């Protein structure tokens, strides 16, 4: 029994604990202060850029002075991508015209853009570490 307790203790002490940090996202170039800004944080490509159910975290924040800031708390270090949009009417959906072109502002981490649609996860992905934990996104 002692051997088992010692073995478990050694395992727990030697197990590499994943570091975590807070991620601060600053969003600029928002047309006005109406509605909210909605953001999705993805830890992998699955669901990127718009599947809320597959997102690692999501947030909705108010807009002040055509800017917004989001703080995702206690996020494990790793590779992530962010997609966001200005929900000017607070409907929960990105408004588009008849051709599918967004009517409100939208953006992605790395200020990535796609040719005819959203960018790939790879183009929007960034490394989150304790030293690199701030992201700025300018809406299009």
N, C-alpha and C. Protein backbone atom coordinates (compact mmCIF):
# COMPACT_ATOMS: atom_id res chain seq x y z
N UNK A 1 0.82 -1.19 0.00
CA UNK A 1 0.00 0.00 0.00
C UNK A 1 0.87 1.26 0.00
N UNK A 2 1.95 1.25 0.81
CA UNK A 2 2.85 2.40 0.84
C UNK A 2 3.44 2.66 -0.55
N UNK A 3 3.81 1.57 -1.20
CA UNK A 3 4.40 1.69 -2.53
C UNK A 3 3.41 2.37 -3.49
N UNK A 4 2.15 1.99 -3.43
CA UNK A 4 1.13 2.56 -4.29
C UNK A 4 0.96 4.06 -4.01
N UNK A 5 0.94 4.45 -2.75
CA UNK A 5 0.79 5.87 -2.37
C UNK A 5 2.00 6.67 -2.86
N UNK A 6 3.18 6.12 -2.71
CA UNK A 6 4.40 6.80 -3.17
C UNK A 6 4.37 6.93 -4.69
N UNK A 7 3.96 5.87 -5.37
CA UNK A 7 3.88 5.89 -6.82
C UNK A 7 2.91 6.96 -7.31
N UNK A 8 1.75 7.06 -6.69
CA UNK A 8 0.77 8.07 -7.06
C UNK A 8 1.32 9.48 -6.78
N UNK A 9 1.96 9.66 -5.64
CA UNK A 9 2.52 10.97 -5.28
C UNK A 9 3.59 11.39 -6.28
N UNK A 10 4.46 10.47 -6.66
CA UNK A 10 5.51 10.78 -7.64
C UNK A 10 4.88 11.14 -8.98
N UNK A 11 3.86 10.42 -9.40
CA UNK A 11 3.18 10.69 -10.65
C UNK A 11 2.56 12.09 -10.63
N UNK A 12 1.87 12.42 -9.56
CA UNK A 12 1.22 13.72 -9.46
C UNK A 12 2.22 14.86 -9.41
N UNK A 13 3.33 14.67 -8.74
CA UNK A 13 4.34 15.71 -8.64
C UNK A 13 5.10 15.89 -9.96
N UNK A 14 5.27 14.81 -10.69
CA UNK A 14 6.04 14.90 -11.93
C UNK A 14 5.18 15.27 -13.12
N UNK A 15 3.88 15.19 -12.98
CA UNK A 15 2.98 15.52 -14.08
C UNK A 15 3.15 16.99 -14.45
N UNK A 16 3.40 17.23 -15.72
CA UNK A 16 3.60 18.60 -16.20
C UNK A 16 2.26 19.32 -16.22
N UNK A 17 2.12 20.31 -15.38
CA UNK A 17 0.89 21.08 -15.34
C UNK A 17 0.93 22.12 -16.46
N UNK A 18 -0.15 22.19 -17.21
CA UNK A 18 -0.22 23.14 -18.30
C UNK A 18 -0.45 24.53 -17.73
N UNK A 19 0.36 25.46 -18.18
CA UNK A 19 0.23 26.83 -17.71
C UNK A 19 -0.97 27.48 -18.37
N UNK A 20 -1.57 28.42 -17.66
CA UNK A 20 -2.68 29.17 -18.24
C UNK A 20 -2.48 30.65 -17.99
N UNK A 21 -3.18 31.45 -18.75
CA UNK A 21 -3.05 32.89 -18.65
C UNK A 21 -4.37 33.53 -19.08
N UNK A 22 -4.52 34.81 -18.85
CA UNK A 22 -5.68 35.55 -19.33
C UNK A 22 -5.35 36.09 -20.72
N UNK A 23 -6.30 36.04 -21.62
CA UNK A 23 -6.13 36.54 -22.98
C UNK A 23 -6.95 37.82 -23.13
N UNK A 24 -6.30 38.91 -23.47
CA UNK A 24 -6.97 40.19 -23.67
C UNK A 24 -7.08 40.46 -25.17
N UNK A 25 -8.30 40.70 -25.63
CA UNK A 25 -8.55 40.99 -27.04
C UNK A 25 -9.09 42.40 -27.14
N UNK A 26 -8.43 43.24 -27.93
CA UNK A 26 -8.85 44.62 -28.14
C UNK A 26 -9.36 44.74 -29.57
N UNK A 27 -10.56 45.29 -29.73
CA UNK A 27 -11.19 45.40 -31.03
C UNK A 27 -11.39 46.87 -31.36
N UNK A 28 -10.95 47.28 -32.55
CA UNK A 28 -11.08 48.66 -32.99
C UNK A 28 -11.82 48.71 -34.32
N UNK A 29 -12.08 49.94 -34.78
CA UNK A 29 -12.73 50.20 -36.06
C UNK A 29 -14.18 49.73 -36.08
N UNK A 30 -14.86 49.84 -34.95
CA UNK A 30 -16.27 49.49 -34.87
C UNK A 30 -17.07 50.72 -35.29
N UNK A 31 -18.04 50.55 -36.19
CA UNK A 31 -18.77 51.69 -36.76
C UNK A 31 -19.48 52.55 -35.74
N UNK A 32 -20.12 51.90 -34.75
CA UNK A 32 -20.88 52.66 -33.75
C UNK A 32 -20.98 51.83 -32.47
N UNK A 33 -21.60 52.41 -31.45
CA UNK A 33 -21.70 51.74 -30.15
C UNK A 33 -22.98 50.94 -29.97
N UNK A 34 -23.79 50.81 -31.02
CA UNK A 34 -25.04 50.07 -30.87
C UNK A 34 -24.80 48.57 -30.83
N UNK A 35 -25.69 47.84 -30.17
CA UNK A 35 -25.57 46.39 -30.10
C UNK A 35 -24.40 45.94 -29.24
N UNK A 36 -23.86 44.78 -29.60
CA UNK A 36 -22.74 44.20 -28.86
C UNK A 36 -21.72 43.64 -29.84
N UNK A 37 -20.58 43.31 -29.32
CA UNK A 37 -19.56 42.63 -30.10
C UNK A 37 -19.54 41.18 -29.63
N UNK A 38 -19.62 40.25 -30.55
CA UNK A 38 -19.64 38.82 -30.23
C UNK A 38 -18.34 38.18 -30.72
N UNK A 39 -17.74 37.34 -29.85
CA UNK A 39 -16.46 36.72 -30.19
C UNK A 39 -16.48 35.23 -29.87
N UNK A 40 -15.78 34.47 -30.69
CA UNK A 40 -15.59 33.04 -30.48
C UNK A 40 -14.09 32.76 -30.45
N UNK A 41 -13.66 32.01 -29.46
CA UNK A 41 -12.26 31.60 -29.32
C UNK A 41 -12.19 30.10 -29.61
N UNK A 42 -11.40 29.73 -30.61
CA UNK A 42 -11.27 28.33 -31.02
C UNK A 42 -9.89 27.80 -30.66
N UNK A 43 -9.85 26.56 -30.16
CA UNK A 43 -8.60 25.90 -29.82
C UNK A 43 -8.13 24.97 -30.93
N UNK A 44 -8.93 24.80 -31.95
CA UNK A 44 -8.59 23.97 -33.10
C UNK A 44 -9.44 24.39 -34.28
N UNK A 45 -9.19 23.77 -35.45
CA UNK A 45 -9.93 24.18 -36.64
C UNK A 45 -11.38 23.76 -36.66
N UNK A 46 -11.73 22.75 -35.89
CA UNK A 46 -13.10 22.25 -35.93
C UNK A 46 -14.09 23.34 -35.49
N UNK A 47 -15.01 23.67 -36.40
CA UNK A 47 -16.03 24.67 -36.12
C UNK A 47 -15.65 26.10 -36.46
N UNK A 48 -14.37 26.35 -36.70
CA UNK A 48 -13.93 27.71 -37.02
C UNK A 48 -14.52 28.12 -38.36
N UNK A 49 -15.07 29.29 -38.53
CA UNK A 49 -15.06 30.43 -37.64
C UNK A 49 -16.38 30.72 -36.91
N UNK A 50 -17.45 29.93 -37.19
CA UNK A 50 -18.74 30.40 -36.70
C UNK A 50 -19.58 29.40 -35.91
N UNK A 51 -19.04 28.23 -35.61
CA UNK A 51 -19.82 27.25 -34.86
C UNK A 51 -19.65 27.47 -33.36
N UNK A 52 -20.62 28.10 -32.76
CA UNK A 52 -20.57 28.42 -31.33
C UNK A 52 -20.39 27.17 -30.47
N UNK A 53 -21.01 26.07 -30.87
CA UNK A 53 -20.93 24.83 -30.10
C UNK A 53 -19.52 24.24 -30.08
N UNK A 54 -18.73 24.52 -31.10
CA UNK A 54 -17.37 23.97 -31.19
C UNK A 54 -16.31 24.94 -30.64
N UNK A 55 -16.72 26.16 -30.32
CA UNK A 55 -15.78 27.15 -29.79
C UNK A 55 -15.32 26.76 -28.39
N UNK A 56 -14.07 27.06 -28.09
CA UNK A 56 -13.51 26.81 -26.76
C UNK A 56 -14.15 27.74 -25.74
N UNK A 57 -14.31 29.01 -26.11
CA UNK A 57 -14.97 30.03 -25.28
C UNK A 57 -15.71 30.99 -26.20
N UNK A 58 -16.69 31.70 -25.65
CA UNK A 58 -17.34 32.75 -26.41
C UNK A 58 -17.65 33.90 -25.46
N UNK A 59 -17.88 35.07 -26.05
CA UNK A 59 -18.16 36.25 -25.23
C UNK A 59 -18.97 37.26 -26.03
N UNK A 60 -19.75 38.04 -25.32
CA UNK A 60 -20.46 39.19 -25.88
C UNK A 60 -20.16 40.37 -24.97
N UNK A 61 -19.72 41.46 -25.56
CA UNK A 61 -19.36 42.63 -24.75
C UNK A 61 -19.94 43.89 -25.37
N UNK A 62 -20.12 44.88 -24.52
CA UNK A 62 -20.62 46.17 -25.00
C UNK A 62 -19.50 46.94 -25.69
N UNK A 63 -19.90 47.93 -26.44
CA UNK A 63 -18.98 48.75 -27.23
C UNK A 63 -19.00 50.16 -26.66
N UNK A 64 -17.82 50.73 -26.50
CA UNK A 64 -17.72 52.10 -25.99
C UNK A 64 -16.69 52.86 -26.81
N UNK A 65 -17.12 53.97 -27.38
CA UNK A 65 -16.19 54.79 -28.16
C UNK A 65 -15.66 54.05 -29.37
N UNK A 66 -16.48 53.26 -30.00
CA UNK A 66 -16.12 52.49 -31.20
C UNK A 66 -14.99 51.50 -30.96
N UNK A 67 -14.88 51.07 -29.70
CA UNK A 67 -13.87 50.08 -29.31
C UNK A 67 -14.52 49.08 -28.35
N UNK A 68 -13.92 47.94 -28.25
CA UNK A 68 -14.37 46.94 -27.28
C UNK A 68 -13.15 46.16 -26.80
N UNK A 69 -13.29 45.57 -25.63
CA UNK A 69 -12.22 44.76 -25.07
C UNK A 69 -12.83 43.54 -24.40
N UNK A 70 -12.21 42.40 -24.64
CA UNK A 70 -12.67 41.13 -24.07
C UNK A 70 -11.50 40.52 -23.32
N UNK A 71 -11.77 39.98 -22.15
CA UNK A 71 -10.75 39.24 -21.41
C UNK A 71 -11.27 37.82 -21.19
N UNK A 72 -10.59 36.86 -21.81
CA UNK A 72 -10.88 35.45 -21.58
C UNK A 72 -9.97 35.01 -20.44
N UNK A 73 -10.55 34.56 -19.34
CA UNK A 73 -9.80 34.22 -18.13
C UNK A 73 -9.29 32.78 -18.15
N UNK A 74 -8.09 32.60 -17.60
CA UNK A 74 -7.54 31.27 -17.30
C UNK A 74 -7.55 30.34 -18.52
N UNK A 75 -6.93 30.80 -19.60
CA UNK A 75 -6.87 30.03 -20.84
C UNK A 75 -5.54 29.28 -20.89
N UNK A 76 -5.56 27.96 -21.13
CA UNK A 76 -4.31 27.21 -21.23
C UNK A 76 -3.46 27.70 -22.41
N UNK A 77 -2.16 27.70 -22.24
CA UNK A 77 -1.27 28.08 -23.33
C UNK A 77 -1.50 27.13 -24.51
N UNK A 78 -1.35 27.64 -25.72
CA UNK A 78 -1.53 26.81 -26.90
C UNK A 78 -1.85 27.65 -28.12
N UNK A 79 -2.35 27.00 -29.16
CA UNK A 79 -2.68 27.66 -30.42
C UNK A 79 -4.18 27.90 -30.48
N UNK A 80 -4.56 29.14 -30.82
CA UNK A 80 -5.95 29.55 -30.85
C UNK A 80 -6.21 30.42 -32.08
N UNK A 81 -7.49 30.63 -32.37
CA UNK A 81 -7.92 31.59 -33.38
C UNK A 81 -9.22 32.23 -32.89
N UNK A 82 -9.42 33.48 -33.27
CA UNK A 82 -10.60 34.24 -32.83
C UNK A 82 -11.38 34.70 -34.06
N UNK A 83 -12.69 34.58 -33.98
CA UNK A 83 -13.56 35.21 -34.96
C UNK A 83 -14.55 36.08 -34.18
N UNK A 84 -14.91 37.21 -34.76
CA UNK A 84 -15.84 38.10 -34.06
C UNK A 84 -16.62 38.95 -35.04
N UNK A 85 -17.74 39.48 -34.56
CA UNK A 85 -18.53 40.38 -35.39
C UNK A 85 -19.31 41.36 -34.52
N UNK A 86 -19.64 42.49 -35.14
CA UNK A 86 -20.44 43.53 -34.48
C UNK A 86 -21.90 43.19 -34.71
N UNK A 87 -22.58 42.81 -33.65
CA UNK A 87 -24.01 42.48 -33.71
C UNK A 87 -24.77 43.77 -33.40
N UNK A 88 -24.90 44.61 -34.41
CA UNK A 88 -25.44 45.96 -34.20
C UNK A 88 -26.90 45.97 -33.75
N UNK A 89 -27.65 44.93 -34.12
CA UNK A 89 -29.06 44.86 -33.72
C UNK A 89 -29.29 43.90 -32.56
N UNK A 90 -28.21 43.31 -32.06
CA UNK A 90 -28.25 42.37 -30.93
C UNK A 90 -29.20 41.19 -31.21
N UNK A 91 -29.06 40.62 -32.40
CA UNK A 91 -29.89 39.48 -32.80
C UNK A 91 -29.19 38.14 -32.58
N UNK A 92 -27.89 38.18 -32.37
CA UNK A 92 -27.13 36.95 -32.20
C UNK A 92 -26.60 36.38 -33.50
N UNK A 93 -26.88 37.06 -34.61
CA UNK A 93 -26.45 36.57 -35.92
C UNK A 93 -25.79 37.68 -36.73
N UNK A 94 -24.85 37.30 -37.55
CA UNK A 94 -24.21 38.25 -38.45
C UNK A 94 -25.19 38.58 -39.58
N UNK A 95 -25.49 39.85 -39.73
CA UNK A 95 -26.40 40.28 -40.80
C UNK A 95 -25.64 40.30 -42.12
N UNK A 96 -26.26 39.75 -43.17
CA UNK A 96 -25.65 39.75 -44.50
C UNK A 96 -26.66 40.25 -45.52
N UNK A 97 -26.14 40.66 -46.68
CA UNK A 97 -27.04 41.08 -47.76
C UNK A 97 -27.44 39.85 -48.58
N UNK A 98 -28.13 40.06 -49.67
CA UNK A 98 -28.63 38.95 -50.50
C UNK A 98 -27.49 38.10 -51.07
N UNK A 99 -26.31 38.66 -51.21
CA UNK A 99 -25.16 37.92 -51.74
C UNK A 99 -24.34 37.25 -50.64
N UNK A 100 -24.76 37.43 -49.39
CA UNK A 100 -24.03 36.83 -48.28
C UNK A 100 -22.89 37.68 -47.75
N UNK A 101 -22.81 38.91 -48.24
CA UNK A 101 -21.74 39.82 -47.79
C UNK A 101 -22.19 40.46 -46.47
N UNK A 102 -21.32 40.44 -45.45
CA UNK A 102 -21.69 40.98 -44.13
C UNK A 102 -22.08 42.46 -44.19
N UNK A 103 -23.13 42.79 -43.46
CA UNK A 103 -23.59 44.18 -43.36
C UNK A 103 -22.98 44.88 -42.15
N UNK A 104 -22.52 44.10 -41.19
CA UNK A 104 -21.87 44.66 -40.00
C UNK A 104 -20.40 44.27 -40.01
N UNK A 105 -19.63 44.93 -39.16
CA UNK A 105 -18.21 44.65 -39.09
C UNK A 105 -17.91 43.26 -38.58
N UNK A 106 -16.80 42.71 -39.02
CA UNK A 106 -16.35 41.38 -38.59
C UNK A 106 -14.82 41.37 -38.61
N UNK A 107 -14.24 40.40 -37.95
CA UNK A 107 -12.79 40.32 -37.95
C UNK A 107 -12.30 39.00 -37.40
N UNK A 108 -11.00 38.77 -37.57
CA UNK A 108 -10.36 37.52 -37.15
C UNK A 108 -8.99 37.85 -36.55
N UNK A 109 -8.51 36.96 -35.70
CA UNK A 109 -7.17 37.15 -35.16
C UNK A 109 -6.17 37.22 -36.32
N UNK A 110 -5.07 37.89 -36.07
CA UNK A 110 -4.04 38.19 -37.09
C UNK A 110 -4.59 39.11 -38.18
N UNK A 111 -5.81 39.65 -37.97
CA UNK A 111 -6.49 40.45 -38.99
C UNK A 111 -6.50 39.70 -40.31
N UNK A 112 -6.64 38.38 -40.21
CA UNK A 112 -6.65 37.50 -41.38
C UNK A 112 -7.91 37.74 -42.20
N UNK A 113 -7.81 37.49 -43.50
CA UNK A 113 -8.97 37.59 -44.37
C UNK A 113 -8.91 36.47 -45.41
N UNK A 114 -10.07 36.10 -45.89
CA UNK A 114 -10.17 35.07 -46.92
C UNK A 114 -10.46 35.70 -48.26
N UNK A 115 -10.35 34.93 -49.32
CA UNK A 115 -10.61 35.45 -50.65
C UNK A 115 -12.10 35.63 -50.89
N UNK A 116 -12.85 34.56 -50.84
CA UNK A 116 -14.32 34.65 -50.98
C UNK A 116 -14.92 33.93 -49.78
N UNK A 117 -14.81 34.54 -48.63
CA UNK A 117 -15.29 33.92 -47.41
C UNK A 117 -14.29 34.13 -46.29
N UNK A 118 -14.49 33.45 -45.20
CA UNK A 118 -13.60 33.64 -44.04
C UNK A 118 -12.22 33.04 -44.28
N UNK A 119 -11.24 33.49 -43.50
CA UNK A 119 -9.90 32.91 -43.62
C UNK A 119 -9.87 31.50 -43.03
N UNK A 120 -8.82 30.79 -43.31
CA UNK A 120 -8.63 29.46 -42.72
C UNK A 120 -8.21 29.62 -41.26
N UNK A 121 -8.40 28.57 -40.48
CA UNK A 121 -7.94 28.57 -39.10
C UNK A 121 -6.44 28.84 -39.06
N UNK A 122 -5.72 28.21 -39.97
CA UNK A 122 -4.26 28.35 -40.02
C UNK A 122 -3.84 29.82 -40.15
N UNK A 123 -4.54 30.58 -40.99
CA UNK A 123 -4.18 32.00 -41.18
C UNK A 123 -4.56 32.87 -39.99
N UNK A 124 -5.55 32.46 -39.23
CA UNK A 124 -5.99 33.25 -38.08
C UNK A 124 -5.35 32.78 -36.77
N UNK A 125 -4.66 31.64 -36.80
CA UNK A 125 -4.11 31.05 -35.57
C UNK A 125 -2.95 31.85 -35.00
N UNK A 126 -2.86 31.85 -33.68
CA UNK A 126 -1.78 32.51 -32.95
C UNK A 126 -1.42 31.67 -31.74
N UNK A 127 -0.22 31.87 -31.23
CA UNK A 127 0.24 31.16 -30.03
C UNK A 127 -0.03 32.01 -28.80
N UNK A 128 -0.69 31.42 -27.84
CA UNK A 128 -0.96 32.08 -26.56
C UNK A 128 0.03 31.55 -25.53
N UNK A 129 0.80 32.46 -24.94
CA UNK A 129 1.72 32.12 -23.85
C UNK A 129 1.58 33.18 -22.78
N UNK A 130 2.23 32.96 -21.66
CA UNK A 130 2.18 33.95 -20.58
C UNK A 130 2.78 35.28 -21.04
N UNK A 131 3.76 35.23 -21.96
CA UNK A 131 4.40 36.45 -22.46
C UNK A 131 3.66 37.05 -23.65
N UNK A 132 2.90 36.24 -24.37
CA UNK A 132 2.18 36.69 -25.55
C UNK A 132 0.70 36.41 -25.34
N UNK A 133 0.02 37.35 -24.66
CA UNK A 133 -1.38 37.11 -24.29
C UNK A 133 -2.30 38.28 -24.61
N UNK A 134 -1.94 39.06 -25.62
CA UNK A 134 -2.78 40.16 -26.06
C UNK A 134 -2.94 40.10 -27.58
N UNK A 135 -4.17 40.32 -28.03
CA UNK A 135 -4.47 40.28 -29.46
C UNK A 135 -5.27 41.54 -29.80
N UNK A 136 -4.93 42.17 -30.92
CA UNK A 136 -5.67 43.33 -31.42
C UNK A 136 -6.29 42.96 -32.75
N UNK A 137 -7.56 43.31 -32.92
CA UNK A 137 -8.27 43.02 -34.16
C UNK A 137 -8.96 44.28 -34.63
N UNK A 138 -8.79 44.59 -35.91
CA UNK A 138 -9.45 45.74 -36.53
C UNK A 138 -10.57 45.21 -37.39
N UNK A 139 -11.81 45.64 -37.09
CA UNK A 139 -12.96 45.16 -37.86
C UNK A 139 -12.90 45.63 -39.30
N UNK A 140 -13.46 44.79 -40.18
CA UNK A 140 -13.56 45.14 -41.60
C UNK A 140 -14.98 45.56 -41.88
